[in-house]
Amino acid sequence: MKVAREIVEKRPEEITAACRKLYAEMSFQEITLNEISKETSLSRPAIYNYFQTKEEIFLSILEEEYALWNADLEVILSEPGELSAADFACRIAGTLQKRETLLRILCMNLYDIEGHSRMERLVQFKMQYGRAVELIRKCLARFFPSLSDENRTTFVFEFFPFMYGIYPYAEPTEKQKEAMEKAGIRTERLSIYEMARRCVTDLLAKRTGGK
């Protein structure tokens, strides 16, 4: 009985892992429950015991991604001593550099994913998102105590929307790059790390006087 229960408990992880594998090679639109089932030990009907839609599987992946990011933010928060604005920006950028899947889903499919997921699953996901907001605010309070609560709130409302736009600039498709070139638009190719570092640096500079 214990073994059977453990298998059942691990099946959602098997499903999300299969979806992650497909997402590394396919677009959100191309992935179907049938394709996901082929990568697992479950039939398509069996997947419905755990997720009612493809979007709920992606929401679970987002929840996992935020949980992983939150773990990294907790490490930053627990660091002894002080961090300069430059050091803090580098730390935050380093955590996002590891979360390419999170940034890709955020920029492309979040509305559809949330709109086609059950409320209980959406609330569960929002709890991880809310934890990320809380940890960023705590980091700001910890390392930049001169920031007012209003400044910390403004930082959050500028930084989190910024995250939604990182991926397309860091990872443009060949078609997008060709179109930009033909349109005569010069672009600077920056990594996720560099864009996040610059953003955090600029947001802090506006509120700390560059200190």
Protein backbone atom coordinates (compact mmCIF):
# COMPACT_ATOMS: atom_id res chain seq x y z
CA MET A 1 0.00 0.00 0.00
CA LYS A 2 2.82 2.39 0.89
CA VAL A 3 4.57 1.76 -2.44
CA ALA A 4 1.33 2.28 -4.36
CA ARG A 5 0.68 5.53 -2.49
CA GLU A 6 4.19 6.79 -3.26
CA ILE A 7 3.71 6.03 -6.96
CA VAL A 8 0.44 7.97 -7.01
CA GLU A 9 2.05 10.91 -5.19
CA LYS A 10 4.91 11.04 -7.68
CA ARG A 11 2.74 10.99 -10.79
CA PRO A 12 2.13 14.76 -10.85
CA GLU A 13 5.92 15.21 -10.81
CA GLU A 14 6.24 12.72 -13.66
CA ILE A 15 3.67 14.68 -15.67
CA THR A 16 5.29 18.06 -15.10
CA ALA A 17 8.74 16.62 -15.87
CA ALA A 18 7.41 15.29 -19.17
CA CYS A 19 5.90 18.66 -19.99
CA ARG A 20 9.18 20.40 -19.15
CA LYS A 21 11.00 18.06 -21.53
CA LEU A 22 8.60 18.84 -24.35
CA TYR A 23 8.70 22.58 -23.64
CA ALA A 24 12.45 22.56 -24.18
CA GLU A 25 11.84 21.56 -27.80
CA MET A 26 8.27 22.64 -28.63
CA SER A 27 6.08 25.69 -28.23
CA PHE A 28 3.24 25.96 -25.74
CA GLN A 29 0.73 25.72 -28.59
CA GLU A 30 2.29 22.53 -29.98
CA ILE A 31 2.20 20.66 -26.69
CA THR A 32 -0.94 18.61 -26.06
CA LEU A 33 -2.06 16.25 -23.32
CA ASN A 34 -1.60 13.43 -25.79
CA GLU A 35 2.03 14.41 -26.37
CA ILE A 36 2.59 14.66 -22.64
CA SER A 37 1.07 11.25 -22.00
CA LYS A 38 3.50 9.68 -24.50
CA GLU A 39 6.37 10.87 -22.30
CA THR A 40 4.90 9.31 -19.16
CA SER A 41 3.65 5.97 -17.90
CA LEU A 42 0.09 7.34 -17.86
CA SER A 43 -2.60 7.39 -20.49
CA ARG A 44 -4.20 10.67 -21.46
CA PRO A 45 -7.41 9.88 -19.49
CA ALA A 46 -5.27 9.04 -16.44
CA ILE A 47 -3.66 12.49 -16.54
CA TYR A 48 -7.09 13.99 -15.85
CA ASN A 49 -6.91 12.47 -12.37
CA TYR A 50 -4.22 15.04 -11.60
CA PHE A 51 -4.65 17.91 -14.07
CA GLN A 52 -7.80 18.91 -15.93
CA THR A 53 -6.03 20.96 -18.61
CA LYS A 54 -2.65 21.41 -20.21
CA GLU A 55 -2.61 24.87 -18.67
CA GLU A 56 -2.82 23.38 -15.16
CA ILE A 57 0.33 21.38 -15.87
CA PHE A 58 2.14 24.54 -16.90
CA LEU A 59 0.79 26.30 -13.82
CA SER A 60 2.32 23.54 -11.73
CA ILE A 61 5.64 24.09 -13.51
CA LEU A 62 5.39 27.81 -12.74
CA GLU A 63 4.74 26.97 -9.11
CA GLU A 64 7.85 24.77 -9.08
CA GLU A 65 9.88 27.54 -10.73
CA TYR A 66 8.81 30.13 -8.19
CA ALA A 67 9.57 27.70 -5.36
CA LEU A 68 13.09 27.23 -6.72
CA TRP A 69 13.56 30.98 -7.12
CA ASN A 70 12.24 31.55 -3.62
CA ALA A 71 14.83 29.12 -2.25
CA ASP A 72 17.58 31.18 -3.89
CA LEU A 73 16.08 34.42 -2.57
CA GLU A 74 16.06 32.94 0.93
CA VAL A 75 19.79 32.24 0.58
CA ILE A 76 20.40 35.89 -0.32
CA LEU A 77 18.25 37.04 2.60
CA SER A 78 20.24 34.87 5.03
CA GLU A 79 23.66 36.13 3.91
CA PRO A 80 25.64 37.64 6.79
CA GLY A 81 26.86 41.21 6.68
CA GLU A 82 25.86 43.83 4.16
CA LEU A 83 25.43 43.91 0.40
CA SER A 84 26.05 46.93 -1.76
CA ALA A 85 23.53 47.84 -4.46
CA ALA A 86 25.92 46.40 -7.06
CA ASP A 87 26.35 43.13 -5.14
CA PHE A 88 22.61 42.81 -4.54
CA ALA A 89 21.88 43.38 -8.23
CA CYS A 90 24.37 40.66 -9.16
CA ARG A 91 22.83 38.23 -6.66
CA ILE A 92 19.30 38.78 -7.94
CA ALA A 93 20.44 38.55 -11.57
CA GLY A 94 22.18 35.27 -10.80
CA THR A 95 18.98 33.75 -9.42
CA LEU A 96 17.00 34.73 -12.51
CA GLN A 97 19.66 33.44 -14.87
CA LYS A 98 18.78 29.96 -13.55
CA ARG A 99 15.04 30.43 -14.14
CA GLU A 100 14.82 30.55 -17.93
CA THR A 101 11.71 28.35 -17.96
CA LEU A 102 9.96 30.68 -15.52
CA LEU A 103 10.73 33.74 -17.66
CA ARG A 104 9.74 32.02 -20.89
CA ILE A 105 6.33 31.00 -19.57
CA LEU A 106 5.70 34.40 -17.99
CA CYS A 107 6.29 36.31 -21.21
CA MET A 108 4.31 34.02 -23.51
CA ASN A 109 1.45 32.16 -21.89
CA LEU A 110 0.58 33.34 -18.37
CA TYR A 111 -2.89 34.71 -19.18
CA ASP A 112 -4.00 31.51 -20.91
CA ILE A 113 -2.51 29.35 -18.18
CA GLU A 114 -4.25 31.23 -15.38
CA GLY A 115 -7.51 31.53 -17.32
CA HIS A 116 -7.75 27.78 -17.94
CA SER A 117 -6.82 26.57 -14.46
CA ARG A 118 -9.09 25.79 -11.54
CA MET A 119 -9.26 28.37 -8.76
CA GLU A 120 -7.73 26.09 -6.13
CA ARG A 121 -4.68 25.48 -8.31
CA LEU A 122 -4.39 29.16 -9.17
CA VAL A 123 -4.48 30.11 -5.49
CA GLN A 124 -1.80 27.51 -4.74
CA PHE A 125 0.41 29.02 -7.45
CA LYS A 126 -0.25 32.58 -6.28
CA MET A 127 1.00 31.61 -2.83
CA GLN A 128 4.44 30.87 -4.29
CA TYR A 129 4.31 34.08 -6.30
CA GLY A 130 3.33 36.00 -3.19
CA ARG A 131 6.24 34.45 -1.33
CA ALA A 132 8.60 35.77 -4.00
CA VAL A 133 7.21 39.28 -3.58
CA GLU A 134 7.56 38.98 0.18
CA LEU A 135 11.18 37.79 -0.07
CA ILE A 136 12.18 40.63 -2.41
CA ARG A 137 10.63 43.13 0.01
CA LYS A 138 12.45 41.50 2.94
CA CYS A 139 15.75 41.62 1.05
CA LEU A 140 15.25 45.32 0.35
CA ALA A 141 14.46 45.97 4.02
CA ARG A 142 17.44 43.90 5.14
CA PHE A 143 20.12 45.38 2.87
CA PHE A 144 18.69 48.85 2.24
CA PRO A 145 17.03 49.89 5.51
CA SER A 146 16.85 53.54 4.41
CA LEU A 147 14.24 52.61 1.79
CA SER A 148 10.72 53.53 2.83
CA ASP A 149 7.90 51.03 2.61
CA GLU A 150 6.56 53.02 -0.34
CA ASN A 151 9.90 52.73 -2.14
CA ARG A 152 10.01 48.98 -1.55
CA THR A 153 6.48 48.64 -2.92
CA THR A 154 7.36 50.73 -5.99
CA PHE A 155 10.44 48.57 -6.57
CA VAL A 156 8.28 45.45 -6.56
CA PHE A 157 5.72 46.95 -8.95
CA GLU A 158 8.49 47.90 -11.38
CA PHE A 159 10.71 44.83 -11.10
CA PHE A 160 8.11 42.07 -11.38
CA PRO A 161 6.51 43.42 -14.59
CA PHE A 162 10.04 43.83 -15.98
CA MET A 163 10.58 40.09 -15.47
CA TYR A 164 7.72 39.37 -17.88
CA GLY A 165 9.64 40.94 -20.76
CA ILE A 166 13.16 39.60 -20.28
CA TYR A 167 12.97 36.34 -22.21
CA PRO A 168 12.12 37.61 -25.73
CA TYR A 169 15.04 40.05 -25.61
CA ALA A 170 17.49 37.49 -24.25
CA GLU A 171 16.37 34.61 -26.48
CA PRO A 172 14.94 35.97 -29.76
CA THR A 173 14.13 33.41 -32.43
CA GLU A 174 16.04 33.33 -35.70
CA LYS A 175 12.93 34.63 -37.44
CA GLN A 176 12.70 37.56 -35.04
CA LYS A 177 16.37 38.40 -35.48
CA GLU A 178 16.04 38.29 -39.26
CA ALA A 179 12.98 40.56 -39.18
CA MET A 180 14.76 43.08 -36.97
CA GLU A 181 17.75 43.08 -39.32
CA LYS A 182 15.55 43.58 -42.40
CA ALA A 183 13.68 46.37 -40.63
CA GLY A 184 16.98 48.12 -40.02
CA ILE A 185 16.64 47.98 -36.23
CA ARG A 186 19.90 47.70 -34.33
CA THR A 187 19.68 45.66 -31.17
CA GLU A 188 22.03 44.90 -28.31
CA ARG A 189 21.94 41.25 -27.37
CA LEU A 190 21.99 40.98 -23.60
CA SER A 191 21.76 37.93 -21.38
CA ILE A 192 19.07 37.39 -18.76
CA TYR A 193 21.73 38.03 -16.14
CA GLU A 194 22.87 41.34 -17.62
CA MET A 195 19.35 42.69 -18.16
CA ALA A 196 18.29 41.78 -14.62
CA ARG A 197 21.49 43.22 -13.14
CA ARG A 198 21.01 46.52 -14.95
CA CYS A 199 17.36 46.72 -13.99
CA VAL A 200 17.95 46.12 -10.27
CA THR A 201 20.89 48.52 -10.28
CA ASP A 202 18.83 51.28 -11.90
CA LEU A 203 15.79 50.74 -9.66
CA LEU A 204 17.95 50.93 -6.54
CA ALA A 205 19.90 53.95 -7.79
CA LYS A 206 16.66 55.90 -8.16
CA ARG A 207 15.79 55.21 -4.53
CA THR A 208 19.15 55.21 -2.75
CA GLY A 209 20.96 57.98 -4.57
CA GLY A 210 23.31 55.44 -6.10
CA LYS A 211 24.70 54.30 -2.75
